[in-house]
Amino acid sequence: MDRFKDIGEFGFIDRIAAHAQRNRVLCGIGDDCAVMAAGQERVRLVTVDAMVEGIHFVPQAPPEGVGYKLLAASLSDVAAMGGKPTDAVVAVSASGDCDAGYVERIYNGLFACADRFDVAVVGGDTTRTSGALVLSLTLTGEMARDQVCYRSGAQVGDAVYVSGTLGDAAGGLGVILGDVDLPGKVRTALLQRHYRPEPRLDLGQALAETGAVTAMIDVSDGLASDLSHICQQSGVSAVIRAAAIPMSRAFIKFCEVSGKEKLDLALTGGEDFELLFSVSQTQVNKVEALAYSICRIGEIVASDGSVMIEGEDGKRVPLEQLGYDHFGGG
């Protein structure tokens, strides 16, 4: 018997991926969203995310933040394809003793996110469970067929970019779980990034419109893991420069106080929901001219799908910590 903890989250996905394709599906399992034909020129995007009490959020978590983050995570998937979100459905599984007021406040946060990003919450399902509270959201989106940004197009020589800063959400989780003595403004900034992440929808659409992006993914499991997905899907490797990884002052302060190694946490912490993408060298001027915060962190190179990090001494070493896997791969 193969157990989930033996094969890992992505090992299981690989097992079922071959059975998921259908004629009108342009891209099924293996990207941030499924992509389905919607006429000759348009496509429909579909993605789903789940959050489990005790795994993704603690019982004392602010419910509005939980709801906001539930939708924001799926919005980030749509952003990674370059699309525009449209409609959402939500499933809730709760015990009979679950506080209905708490779940209602989760919905308040979800609706606040939906209103901000012009998404219609159009239905869902409610079921009973004997265990923890489980939330699941399915989101649809749309876009031009010829502008979809997949994970699989990176080519040797492409430049690698990431938006925003990395590690803040992991720092926010550290604030929640640990007794870390931080200034109020630092705590607030990190908690904001953890509970109210900013899906980069405008940036994703702008990048798709340039036609310059060869591959794109959102940073949900950690930059090291997510860049590895691009490399494996594209049949290439990547080198990133340690000195180029963007970090906020709040995150750096958290690492100083907590004793966490800032580079490791920035690369593997996850849930930053920034965009990570590759661009042809001949097209970099197009993306760098956009009025968004992006940072060039490395290049695509020829190899076996691995990710390497280059130190200030020029020495390259493989990244072995590849971010979050729900079952730990063993």
C-alpha atoms as a PDB file:
ATOM      1  CA  MET A   1       0.000   0.000   0.000  1.00  0.00           C
ATOM      2  CA  ASP A   2       1.325   3.425  -0.988  1.00  0.00           C
ATOM      3  CA  ARG A   3       0.441   6.005   1.636  1.00  0.00           C
ATOM      4  CA  PHE A   4       0.061   9.714   0.974  1.00  0.00           C
ATOM      5  CA  LYS A   5       2.928  10.451   3.327  1.00  0.00           C
ATOM      6  CA  ASP A   6       5.137   8.115   1.261  1.00  0.00           C
ATOM      7  CA  ILE A   7       4.397   9.473  -2.229  1.00  0.00           C
ATOM      8  CA  GLY A   8       3.705  13.098  -1.265  1.00  0.00           C
ATOM      9  CA  GLU A   9       1.182  15.601  -2.590  1.00  0.00           C
ATOM     10  CA  PHE A  10       2.816  16.008  -5.998  1.00  0.00           C
ATOM     11  CA  GLY A  11       3.475  12.292  -6.416  1.00  0.00           C
ATOM     12  CA  PHE A  12      -0.266  11.666  -6.088  1.00  0.00           C
ATOM     13  CA  ILE A  13      -1.075  14.454  -8.544  1.00  0.00           C
ATOM     14  CA  ASP A  14       1.275  12.858 -11.081  1.00  0.00           C
ATOM     15  CA  ARG A  15      -0.575   9.548 -10.722  1.00  0.00           C
ATOM     16  CA  ILE A  16      -3.989  10.954 -11.599  1.00  0.00           C
ATOM     17  CA  ALA A  17      -2.955  13.607 -14.122  1.00  0.00           C
ATOM     18  CA  ALA A  18      -2.891  11.229 -17.101  1.00  0.00           C
ATOM     19  CA  HIS A  19      -6.598  10.434 -16.691  1.00  0.00           C
ATOM     20  CA  ALA A  20      -7.877  14.005 -16.524  1.00  0.00           C
ATOM     21  CA  GLN A  21      -7.690  15.272 -20.117  1.00  0.00           C
ATOM     22  CA  ARG A  22     -10.748  15.716 -22.358  1.00  0.00           C
ATOM     23  CA  ASN A  23     -11.133  17.106 -25.865  1.00  0.00           C
ATOM     24  CA  ARG A  24     -12.067  20.682 -24.986  1.00  0.00           C
ATOM     25  CA  VAL A  25      -9.528  20.898 -22.158  1.00  0.00           C
ATOM     26  CA  LEU A  26      -6.494  22.856 -23.338  1.00  0.00           C
ATOM     27  CA  CYS A  27      -4.694  22.342 -20.021  1.00  0.00           C
ATOM     28  CA  GLY A  28      -5.816  20.126 -17.160  1.00  0.00           C
ATOM     29  CA  ILE A  29      -3.853  18.993 -14.118  1.00  0.00           C
ATOM     30  CA  GLY A  30      -0.395  20.515 -13.879  1.00  0.00           C
ATOM     31  CA  ASP A  31      -0.930  24.279 -13.960  1.00  0.00           C
ATOM     32  CA  ASP A  32      -2.398  26.974 -11.719  1.00  0.00           C
ATOM     33  CA  CYS A  33      -5.782  26.663 -13.445  1.00  0.00           C
ATOM     34  CA  ALA A  34      -7.469  24.265 -15.799  1.00  0.00           C
ATOM     35  CA  VAL A  35      -7.905  25.945 -19.187  1.00  0.00           C
ATOM     36  CA  MET A  36     -10.940  25.078 -21.320  1.00  0.00           C
ATOM     37  CA  ALA A  37     -11.878  26.303 -24.771  1.00  0.00           C
ATOM     38  CA  ALA A  38     -14.731  28.831 -24.805  1.00  0.00           C
ATOM     39  CA  GLY A  39     -15.030  29.480 -28.527  1.00  0.00           C
ATOM     40  CA  GLN A  40     -12.259  30.193 -30.997  1.00  0.00           C
ATOM     41  CA  GLU A  41     -10.683  33.175 -29.199  1.00  0.00           C
ATOM     42  CA  ARG A  42     -11.542  32.859 -25.497  1.00  0.00           C
ATOM     43  CA  VAL A  43     -10.886  30.355 -22.717  1.00  0.00           C
ATOM     44  CA  ARG A  44     -12.455  29.578 -19.368  1.00  0.00           C
ATOM     45  CA  LEU A  45     -10.189  29.171 -16.333  1.00  0.00           C
ATOM     46  CA  VAL A  46     -11.108  26.988 -13.332  1.00  0.00           C
ATOM     47  CA  THR A  47      -9.250  26.561 -10.046  1.00  0.00           C
ATOM     48  CA  VAL A  48     -10.069  25.220  -6.578  1.00  0.00           C
ATOM     49  CA  ASP A  49      -8.512  25.754  -3.148  1.00  0.00           C
ATOM     50  CA  ALA A  50      -9.305  24.232   0.247  1.00  0.00           C
ATOM     51  CA  MET A  51      -8.504  25.344   3.784  1.00  0.00           C
ATOM     52  CA  VAL A  52      -8.702  23.021   6.792  1.00  0.00           C
ATOM     53  CA  GLU A  53      -8.907  24.170  10.397  1.00  0.00           C
ATOM     54  CA  GLY A  54      -5.736  23.196  12.216  1.00  0.00           C
ATOM     55  CA  ILE A  55      -3.769  22.841   8.953  1.00  0.00           C
ATOM     56  CA  HIS A  56      -4.272  26.155   7.123  1.00  0.00           C
ATOM     57  CA  PHE A  57      -5.604  28.232  10.011  1.00  0.00           C
ATOM     58  CA  VAL A  58      -5.818  27.954  13.774  1.00  0.00           C
ATOM     59  CA  PRO A  59      -9.180  28.101  15.606  1.00  0.00           C
ATOM     60  CA  GLN A  60      -8.320  31.504  17.086  1.00  0.00           C
ATOM     61  CA  ALA A  61      -7.582  32.985  13.650  1.00  0.00           C
ATOM     62  CA  PRO A  62      -9.600  36.092  12.747  1.00  0.00           C
ATOM     63  CA  PRO A  63     -12.432  34.598  10.667  1.00  0.00           C
ATOM     64  CA  GLU A  64     -12.629  37.558   8.289  1.00  0.00           C
ATOM     65  CA  GLY A  65      -8.960  36.990   7.433  1.00  0.00           C
ATOM     66  CA  VAL A  66      -9.588  33.283   6.830  1.00  0.00           C
ATOM     67  CA  GLY A  67     -12.395  34.056   4.388  1.00  0.00           C
ATOM     68  CA  TYR A  68     -10.441  36.759   2.605  1.00  0.00           C
ATOM     69  CA  LYS A  69      -7.448  34.466   2.173  1.00  0.00           C
ATOM     70  CA  LEU A  70      -9.603  31.584   0.902  1.00  0.00           C
ATOM     71  CA  LEU A  71     -10.664  33.613  -2.130  1.00  0.00           C
ATOM     72  CA  ALA A  72      -7.348  35.464  -2.515  1.00  0.00           C
ATOM     73  CA  ALA A  73      -5.491  32.158  -2.967  1.00  0.00           C
ATOM     74  CA  SER A  74      -7.673  31.236  -5.939  1.00  0.00           C
ATOM     75  CA  LEU A  75      -7.485  34.752  -7.343  1.00  0.00           C
ATOM     76  CA  SER A  76      -3.709  34.356  -7.336  1.00  0.00           C
ATOM     77  CA  ASP A  77      -4.060  31.200  -9.463  1.00  0.00           C
ATOM     78  CA  VAL A  78      -6.056  33.139 -12.045  1.00  0.00           C
ATOM     79  CA  ALA A  79      -3.485  35.940 -11.914  1.00  0.00           C
ATOM     80  CA  ALA A  80      -0.740  33.411 -12.690  1.00  0.00           C
ATOM     81  CA  MET A  81      -2.479  32.519 -15.955  1.00  0.00           C
ATOM     82  CA  GLY A  82      -2.937  36.205 -16.826  1.00  0.00           C
ATOM     83  CA  GLY A  83      -6.726  35.988 -16.535  1.00  0.00           C
ATOM     84  CA  LYS A  84      -9.693  37.903 -15.140  1.00  0.00           C
ATOM     85  CA  PRO A  85     -11.700  36.211 -12.356  1.00  0.00           C
ATOM     86  CA  THR A  86     -15.462  35.917 -12.722  1.00  0.00           C
ATOM     87  CA  ASP A  87     -17.487  33.664 -10.387  1.00  0.00           C
ATOM     88  CA  ALA A  88     -16.956  31.587  -7.239  1.00  0.00           C
ATOM     89  CA  VAL A  89     -18.763  28.776  -5.428  1.00  0.00           C
ATOM     90  CA  VAL A  90     -17.980  27.811  -1.836  1.00  0.00           C
ATOM     91  CA  ALA A  91     -18.358  24.520   0.060  1.00  0.00           C
ATOM     92  CA  VAL A  92     -18.337  24.421   3.866  1.00  0.00           C
ATOM     93  CA  SER A  93     -18.078  21.246   5.948  1.00  0.00           C
ATOM     94  CA  ALA A  94     -18.718  21.891   9.651  1.00  0.00           C
ATOM     95  CA  SER A  95     -19.592  19.934  12.756  1.00  0.00           C
ATOM     96  CA  GLY A  96     -22.946  20.362  14.435  1.00  0.00           C
ATOM     97  CA  ASP A  97     -21.234  22.188  17.295  1.00  0.00           C
ATOM     98  CA  CYS A  98     -19.421  24.659  15.045  1.00  0.00           C
ATOM     99  CA  ASP A  99     -20.125  28.318  15.829  1.00  0.00           C
ATOM    100  CA  ALA A 100     -22.350  29.558  13.003  1.00  0.00           C
ATOM    101  CA  GLY A 101     -21.410  33.144  13.819  1.00  0.00           C
ATOM    102  CA  TYR A 102     -17.745  32.340  13.240  1.00  0.00           C
ATOM    103  CA  VAL A 103     -18.519  30.852   9.824  1.00  0.00           C
ATOM    104  CA  GLU A 104     -20.671  33.870   8.967  1.00  0.00           C
ATOM    105  CA  ARG A 105     -17.708  36.118   9.746  1.00  0.00           C
ATOM    106  CA  ILE A 106     -15.571  33.948   7.422  1.00  0.00           C
ATOM    107  CA  TYR A 107     -18.080  34.737   4.695  1.00  0.00           C
ATOM    108  CA  ASN A 108     -17.898  38.438   5.545  1.00  0.00           C
ATOM    109  CA  GLY A 109     -14.174  38.360   4.805  1.00  0.00           C
ATOM    110  CA  LEU A 110     -14.747  36.358   1.648  1.00  0.00           C
ATOM    111  CA  PHE A 111     -17.383  38.828   0.434  1.00  0.00           C
ATOM    112  CA  ALA A 112     -15.041  41.752   1.165  1.00  0.00           C
ATOM    113  CA  CYS A 113     -12.411  40.144  -1.081  1.00  0.00           C
ATOM    114  CA  ALA A 114     -15.024  39.352  -3.730  1.00  0.00           C
ATOM    115  CA  ASP A 115     -16.299  42.936  -3.765  1.00  0.00           C
ATOM    116  CA  ARG A 116     -12.786  44.325  -4.066  1.00  0.00           C
ATOM    117  CA  PHE A 117     -11.898  42.160  -7.067  1.00  0.00           C
ATOM    118  CA  ASP A 118     -15.330  42.144  -8.739  1.00  0.00           C
ATOM    119  CA  VAL A 119     -16.052  38.441  -8.233  1.00  0.00           C
ATOM    120  CA  ALA A 120     -19.588  37.067  -7.903  1.00  0.00           C
ATOM    121  CA  VAL A 121     -20.119  34.418  -5.211  1.00  0.00           C
ATOM    122  CA  VAL A 122     -22.888  32.481  -6.935  1.00  0.00           C
ATOM    123  CA  GLY A 123     -23.501  29.415  -4.758  1.00  0.00           C
ATOM    124  CA  GLY A 124     -21.983  26.424  -3.026  1.00  0.00           C
ATOM    125  CA  ASP A 125     -22.745  23.627  -0.593  1.00  0.00           C
ATOM    126  CA  THR A 126     -22.906  23.039   3.152  1.00  0.00           C
ATOM    127  CA  THR A 127     -22.327  19.612   4.679  1.00  0.00           C
ATOM    128  CA  ARG A 128     -21.819  18.115   8.108  1.00  0.00           C
ATOM    129  CA  THR A 129     -18.522  16.662   9.293  1.00  0.00           C
ATOM    130  CA  SER A 130     -17.445  15.023  12.522  1.00  0.00           C
ATOM    131  CA  GLY A 131     -14.044  16.698  12.396  1.00  0.00           C
ATOM    132  CA  ALA A 132     -12.441  20.054  11.683  1.00  0.00           C
ATOM    133  CA  LEU A 133     -14.007  22.917   9.755  1.00  0.00           C
ATOM    134  CA  VAL A 134     -13.214  22.556   6.031  1.00  0.00           C
ATOM    135  CA  LEU A 135     -13.616  25.336   3.473  1.00  0.00           C
ATOM    136  CA  SER A 136     -13.362  24.837  -0.287  1.00  0.00           C
ATOM    137  CA  LEU A 137     -13.708  27.442  -3.021  1.00  0.00           C
ATOM    138  CA  THR A 138     -13.894  26.996  -6.779  1.00  0.00           C
ATOM    139  CA  LEU A 139     -13.206  30.044  -8.936  1.00  0.00           C
ATOM    140  CA  THR A 140     -13.707  30.608 -12.643  1.00  0.00           C
ATOM    141  CA  GLY A 141     -12.023  33.143 -14.866  1.00  0.00           C
ATOM    142  CA  GLU A 142     -11.682  34.104 -18.501  1.00  0.00           C
ATOM    143  CA  MET A 143      -9.183  35.530 -20.938  1.00  0.00           C
ATOM    144  CA  ALA A 144      -7.990  35.581 -24.534  1.00  0.00           C
ATOM    145  CA  ARG A 145      -6.881  32.167 -25.723  1.00  0.00           C
ATOM    146  CA  ASP A 146      -3.640  33.431 -27.255  1.00  0.00           C
ATOM    147  CA  GLN A 147      -2.531  35.224 -24.053  1.00  0.00           C
ATOM    148  CA  VAL A 148      -2.670  32.350 -21.539  1.00  0.00           C
ATOM    149  CA  CYS A 149       0.553  32.065 -19.516  1.00  0.00           C
ATOM    150  CA  TYR A 150       1.369  28.420 -18.760  1.00  0.00           C
ATOM    151  CA  ARG A 151       4.121  26.953 -16.570  1.00  0.00           C
ATOM    152  CA  SER A 152       5.588  24.992 -19.442  1.00  0.00           C
ATOM    153  CA  GLY A 153       7.170  27.536 -21.824  1.00  0.00           C
ATOM    154  CA  ALA A 154      10.406  28.597 -20.131  1.00  0.00           C
ATOM    155  CA  GLN A 155      13.445  28.428 -22.426  1.00  0.00           C
ATOM    156  CA  VAL A 156      17.188  28.430 -21.878  1.00  0.00           C
ATOM    157  CA  GLY A 157      18.426  32.005 -21.611  1.00  0.00           C
ATOM    158  CA  ASP A 158      15.167  33.456 -20.277  1.00  0.00           C
ATOM    159  CA  ALA A 159      15.342  35.923 -17.408  1.00  0.00           C
ATOM    160  CA  VAL A 160      13.496  34.984 -14.180  1.00  0.00           C
ATOM    161  CA  TYR A 161      11.473  37.608 -12.289  1.00  0.00           C
ATOM    162  CA  VAL A 162       9.345  37.737  -9.161  1.00  0.00           C
ATOM    163  CA  SER A 163       6.922  40.413  -7.995  1.00  0.00           C
ATOM    164  CA  GLY A 164       6.801  42.081  -4.580  1.00  0.00           C
ATOM    165  CA  THR A 165       8.696  40.660  -1.613  1.00  0.00           C
ATOM    166  CA  LEU A 166       9.049  37.125  -0.287  1.00  0.00           C
ATOM    167  CA  GLY A 167       8.736  35.633   3.180  1.00  0.00           C
ATOM    168  CA  ASP A 168       6.205  38.041   4.686  1.00  0.00           C
ATOM    169  CA  ALA A 169       3.382  35.493   4.911  1.00  0.00           C
ATOM    170  CA  ALA A 170       5.717  32.996   6.607  1.00  0.00           C
ATOM    171  CA  GLY A 171       6.741  35.762   8.986  1.00  0.00           C
ATOM    172  CA  GLY A 172       3.075  36.392   9.723  1.00  0.00           C
ATOM    173  CA  LEU A 173       2.590  32.726  10.529  1.00  0.00           C
ATOM    174  CA  GLY A 174       5.601  32.912  12.830  1.00  0.00           C
ATOM    175  CA  VAL A 175       3.974  35.830  14.639  1.00  0.00           C
ATOM    176  CA  ILE A 176       0.782  33.796  15.077  1.00  0.00           C
ATOM    177  CA  LEU A 177       2.505  30.642  16.322  1.00  0.00           C
ATOM    178  CA  GLY A 178       5.357  32.061  18.349  1.00  0.00           C
ATOM    179  CA  ASP A 179       6.117  34.486  21.146  1.00  0.00           C
ATOM    180  CA  VAL A 180       8.087  36.974  19.064  1.00  0.00           C
ATOM    181  CA  ASP A 181       8.667  40.440  20.496  1.00  0.00           C
ATOM    182  CA  LEU A 182       8.228  42.750  17.515  1.00  0.00           C
ATOM    183  CA  PRO A 183       7.231  46.399  17.096  1.00  0.00           C
ATOM    184  CA  GLY A 184       3.524  46.856  16.478  1.00  0.00           C
ATOM    185  CA  LYS A 185       3.977  48.100  12.907  1.00  0.00           C
ATOM    186  CA  VAL A 186       6.093  45.067  12.009  1.00  0.00           C
ATOM    187  CA  ARG A 187       3.569  42.613  13.472  1.00  0.00           C
ATOM    188  CA  THR A 188       0.718  44.353  11.660  1.00  0.00           C
ATOM    189  CA  ALA A 189       2.532  44.305   8.319  1.00  0.00           C
ATOM    190  CA  LEU A 190       3.346  40.603   8.553  1.00  0.00           C
ATOM    191  CA  LEU A 191      -0.124  39.594   9.733  1.00  0.00           C
ATOM    192  CA  GLN A 192      -1.640  41.618   6.897  1.00  0.00           C
ATOM    193  CA  ARG A 193       0.414  39.683   4.349  1.00  0.00           C
ATOM    194  CA  HIS A 194      -0.587  36.384   5.979  1.00  0.00           C
ATOM    195  CA  TYR A 195      -4.328  36.936   6.298  1.00  0.00           C
ATOM    196  CA  ARG A 196      -4.954  39.430   3.499  1.00  0.00           C
ATOM    197  CA  PRO A 197      -2.558  38.581   0.672  1.00  0.00           C
ATOM    198  CA  GLU A 198      -2.654  40.752  -2.418  1.00  0.00           C
ATOM    199  CA  PRO A 199      -3.360  38.652  -5.546  1.00  0.00           C
ATOM    200  CA  ARG A 200      -1.458  40.265  -8.438  1.00  0.00           C
ATOM    201  CA  LEU A 201      -4.338  40.273 -10.913  1.00  0.00           C
ATOM    202  CA  ASP A 202      -3.506  43.571 -12.604  1.00  0.00           C
ATOM    203  CA  LEU A 203       0.127  42.568 -13.010  1.00  0.00           C
ATOM    204  CA  GLY A 204      -0.791  39.127 -14.342  1.00  0.00           C
ATOM    205  CA  GLN A 205      -3.078  40.620 -16.972  1.00  0.00           C
ATOM    206  CA  ALA A 206      -0.506  43.252 -17.926  1.00  0.00           C
ATOM    207  CA  LEU A 207       2.191  40.592 -18.312  1.00  0.00           C
ATOM    208  CA  ALA A 208      -0.084  38.411 -20.445  1.00  0.00           C
ATOM    209  CA  GLU A 209      -0.864  41.333 -22.724  1.00  0.00           C
ATOM    210  CA  THR A 210       2.823  41.973 -23.413  1.00  0.00           C
ATOM    211  CA  GLY A 211       3.256  38.512 -24.924  1.00  0.00           C
ATOM    212  CA  ALA A 212       6.742  38.489 -23.391  1.00  0.00           C
ATOM    213  CA  VAL A 213       6.168  35.908 -20.637  1.00  0.00           C
ATOM    214  CA  THR A 214       7.279  32.379 -21.484  1.00  0.00           C
ATOM    215  CA  ALA A 215       6.133  30.731 -18.217  1.00  0.00           C
ATOM    216  CA  MET A 216       4.387  31.927 -15.043  1.00  0.00           C
ATOM    217  CA  ILE A 217       3.230  30.564 -11.672  1.00  0.00           C
ATOM    218  CA  ASP A 218       2.140  32.087  -8.381  1.00  0.00           C
ATOM    219  CA  VAL A 219       4.283  31.672  -5.274  1.00  0.00           C
ATOM    220  CA  SER A 220       2.044  29.542  -3.059  1.00  0.00           C
ATOM    221  CA  ASP A 221       4.269  26.651  -1.923  1.00  0.00           C
ATOM    222  CA  GLY A 222       7.484  28.706  -1.799  1.00  0.00           C
ATOM    223  CA  LEU A 223       9.647  30.186  -4.552  1.00  0.00           C
ATOM    224  CA  ALA A 224      12.036  27.209  -4.595  1.00  0.00           C
ATOM    225  CA  SER A 225       9.193  24.729  -5.037  1.00  0.00           C
ATOM    226  CA  ASP A 226       7.227  26.802  -7.518  1.00  0.00           C
ATOM    227  CA  LEU A 227      10.243  27.578  -9.691  1.00  0.00           C
ATOM    228  CA  SER A 228      10.945  23.846  -9.677  1.00  0.00           C
ATOM    229  CA  HIS A 229       7.447  23.302 -11.125  1.00  0.00           C
ATOM    230  CA  ILE A 230       8.234  25.676 -13.998  1.00  0.00           C
ATOM    231  CA  CYS A 231      11.554  23.953 -14.629  1.00  0.00           C
ATOM    232  CA  GLN A 232      10.084  20.449 -14.612  1.00  0.00           C
ATOM    233  CA  GLN A 233       7.156  21.407 -16.838  1.00  0.00           C
ATOM    234  CA  SER A 234       9.499  23.207 -19.258  1.00  0.00           C
ATOM    235  CA  GLY A 235      12.379  20.708 -19.256  1.00  0.00           C
ATOM    236  CA  VAL A 236      14.944  23.248 -18.064  1.00  0.00           C
ATOM    237  CA  SER A 237      16.737  24.326 -14.884  1.00  0.00           C
ATOM    238  CA  ALA A 238      17.117  27.693 -13.190  1.00  0.00           C
ATOM    239  CA  VAL A 239      19.780  29.648 -11.341  1.00  0.00           C
ATOM    240  CA  ILE A 240      18.690  32.320  -8.883  1.00  0.00           C
ATOM    241  CA  ARG A 241      20.942  34.820  -7.134  1.00  0.00           C
ATOM    242  CA  ALA A 242      20.759  34.908  -3.355  1.00  0.00           C
ATOM    243  CA  ALA A 243      21.513  38.628  -3.242  1.00  0.00           C
ATOM    244  CA  ALA A 244      18.603  39.406  -5.598  1.00  0.00           C
ATOM    245  CA  ILE A 245      15.786  37.839  -3.542  1.00  0.00           C
ATOM    246  CA  PRO A 246      13.471  40.721  -2.515  1.00  0.00           C
ATOM    247  CA  MET A 247      12.614  40.931   1.196  1.00  0.00           C
ATOM    248  CA  SER A 248      10.702  43.530   3.175  1.00  0.00           C
ATOM    249  CA  ARG A 249      12.081  45.348   6.207  1.00  0.00           C
ATOM    250  CA  ALA A 250       9.362  43.778   8.348  1.00  0.00           C
ATOM    251  CA  PHE A 251      10.399  40.281   7.283  1.00  0.00           C
ATOM    252  CA  ILE A 252      14.091  40.976   7.876  1.00  0.00           C
ATOM    253  CA  LYS A 253      13.256  42.307  11.353  1.00  0.00           C
ATOM    254  CA  PHE A 254      11.222  39.173  12.096  1.00  0.00           C
ATOM    255  CA  CYS A 255      14.171  36.956  11.122  1.00  0.00           C
ATOM    256  CA  GLU A 256      16.585  38.982  13.249  1.00  0.00           C
ATOM    257  CA  VAL A 257      14.370  38.658  16.324  1.00  0.00           C
ATOM    258  CA  SER A 258      13.233  35.062  15.820  1.00  0.00           C
ATOM    259  CA  GLY A 259      16.597  33.679  14.719  1.00  0.00           C
ATOM    260  CA  LYS A 260      15.170  32.338  11.456  1.00  0.00           C
ATOM    261  CA  GLU A 261      17.512  32.174   8.455  1.00  0.00           C
ATOM    262  CA  LYS A 262      16.007  34.806   6.168  1.00  0.00           C
ATOM    263  CA  LEU A 263      17.058  33.392   2.787  1.00  0.00           C
ATOM    264  CA  ASP A 264      15.801  29.877   3.555  1.00  0.00           C
ATOM    265  CA  LEU A 265      12.479  31.176   4.844  1.00  0.00           C
ATOM    266  CA  ALA A 266      12.036  33.571   1.919  1.00  0.00           C
ATOM    267  CA  LEU A 267      12.601  30.737  -0.556  1.00  0.00           C
ATOM    268  CA  THR A 268      10.520  28.041   1.133  1.00  0.00           C
ATOM    269  CA  GLY A 269       7.961  29.794   3.358  1.00  0.00           C
ATOM    270  CA  GLY A 270       5.147  29.954   0.811  1.00  0.00           C
ATOM    271  CA  GLU A 271       1.787  31.736   0.612  1.00  0.00           C
ATOM    272  CA  ASP A 272       3.304  34.999  -0.614  1.00  0.00           C
ATOM    273  CA  PHE A 273       1.011  34.810  -3.678  1.00  0.00           C
ATOM    274  CA  GLU A 274       3.451  36.832  -5.740  1.00  0.00           C
ATOM    275  CA  LEU A 275       4.011  36.076  -9.428  1.00  0.00           C
ATOM    276  CA  LEU A 276       7.110  34.194 -10.563  1.00  0.00           C
ATOM    277  CA  PHE A 277       7.755  34.262 -14.303  1.00  0.00           C
ATOM    278  CA  SER A 278      10.301  33.886 -17.083  1.00  0.00           C
ATOM    279  CA  VAL A 279      10.824  36.279 -19.986  1.00  0.00           C
ATOM    280  CA  SER A 280      12.781  35.978 -23.203  1.00  0.00           C
ATOM    281  CA  GLN A 281      15.960  38.083 -23.119  1.00  0.00           C
ATOM    282  CA  THR A 282      14.766  39.938 -26.203  1.00  0.00           C
ATOM    283  CA  GLN A 283      11.566  40.956 -24.394  1.00  0.00           C
ATOM    284  CA  VAL A 284      12.784  42.062 -20.956  1.00  0.00           C
ATOM    285  CA  ASN A 285      12.339  45.753 -21.779  1.00  0.00           C
ATOM    286  CA  LYS A 286       8.595  45.180 -22.209  1.00  0.00           C
ATOM    287  CA  VAL A 287       8.104  43.826 -18.699  1.00  0.00           C
ATOM    288  CA  GLU A 288      10.547  46.189 -17.019  1.00  0.00           C
ATOM    289  CA  ALA A 289       8.634  49.120 -18.517  1.00  0.00           C
ATOM    290  CA  LEU A 290       5.460  48.083 -16.655  1.00  0.00           C
ATOM    291  CA  ALA A 291       4.603  50.179 -13.610  1.00  0.00           C
ATOM    292  CA  TYR A 292       4.762  47.300 -11.133  1.00  0.00           C
ATOM    293  CA  SER A 293       7.207  46.146  -8.468  1.00  0.00           C
ATOM    294  CA  ILE A 294       9.134  43.271 -10.049  1.00  0.00           C
ATOM    295  CA  CYS A 295      12.678  42.046  -9.505  1.00  0.00           C
ATOM    296  CA  ARG A 296      14.967  40.051 -11.780  1.00  0.00           C
ATOM    297  CA  ILE A 297      16.359  37.210  -9.680  1.00  0.00           C
ATOM    298  CA  GLY A 298      17.996  34.778 -12.097  1.00  0.00           C
ATOM    299  CA  GLU A 299      18.053  32.933 -15.405  1.00  0.00           C
ATOM    300  CA  ILE A 300      16.825  29.741 -17.038  1.00  0.00           C
ATOM    301  CA  VAL A 301      19.642  27.325 -17.914  1.00  0.00           C
ATOM    302  CA  ALA A 302      19.922  23.933 -19.581  1.00  0.00           C
ATOM    303  CA  SER A 303      19.801  20.967 -17.209  1.00  0.00           C
ATOM    304  CA  ASP A 304      17.518  18.433 -15.546  1.00  0.00           C
ATOM    305  CA  GLY A 305      14.715  20.488 -13.978  1.00  0.00           C
ATOM    306  CA  SER A 306      16.661  21.482 -10.880  1.00  0.00           C
ATOM    307  CA  VAL A 307      16.858  24.864  -9.170  1.00  0.00           C
ATOM    308  CA  MET A 308      20.230  26.220  -8.081  1.00  0.00           C
ATOM    309  CA  ILE A 309      21.130  29.215  -5.992  1.00  0.00           C
ATOM    310  CA  GLU A 310      24.196  31.341  -6.650  1.00  0.00           C
ATOM    311  CA  GLY A 311      25.988  32.995  -3.720  1.00  0.00           C
ATOM    312  CA  GLU A 312      27.943  36.219  -3.794  1.00  0.00           C
ATOM    313  CA  ASP A 313      31.100  34.156  -4.422  1.00  0.00           C
ATOM    314  CA  GLY A 314      29.587  32.856  -7.658  1.00  0.00           C
ATOM    315  CA  LYS A 315      29.328  29.289  -6.370  1.00  0.00           C
ATOM    316  CA  ARG A 316      26.132  27.466  -7.316  1.00  0.00           C
ATOM    317  CA  VAL A 317      24.477  24.825  -5.131  1.00  0.00           C
ATOM    318  CA  PRO A 318      21.204  22.903  -5.670  1.00  0.00           C
ATOM    319  CA  LEU A 319      18.232  23.933  -3.585  1.00  0.00           C
ATOM    320  CA  GLU A 320      17.146  20.905  -1.609  1.00  0.00           C
ATOM    321  CA  GLN A 321      14.344  22.493   0.429  1.00  0.00           C
ATOM    322  CA  LEU A 322      11.557  22.796  -2.092  1.00  0.00           C
ATOM    323  CA  GLY A 323       8.775  24.293  -0.015  1.00  0.00           C
ATOM    324  CA  TYR A 324       5.493  22.929   1.324  1.00  0.00           C
ATOM    325  CA  ASP A 325       4.063  19.478   0.588  1.00  0.00           C
ATOM    326  CA  HIS A 326       0.861  18.604   2.479  1.00  0.00           C
ATOM    327  CA  PHE A 327       2.031  15.037   3.078  1.00  0.00           C
ATOM    328  CA  GLY A 328       5.741  15.725   3.492  1.00  0.00           C
ATOM    329  CA  GLY A 329       6.895  13.245   0.838  1.00  0.00           C
ATOM    330  CA  GLY A 330       7.708  10.723   3.556  1.00  0.00           C
END
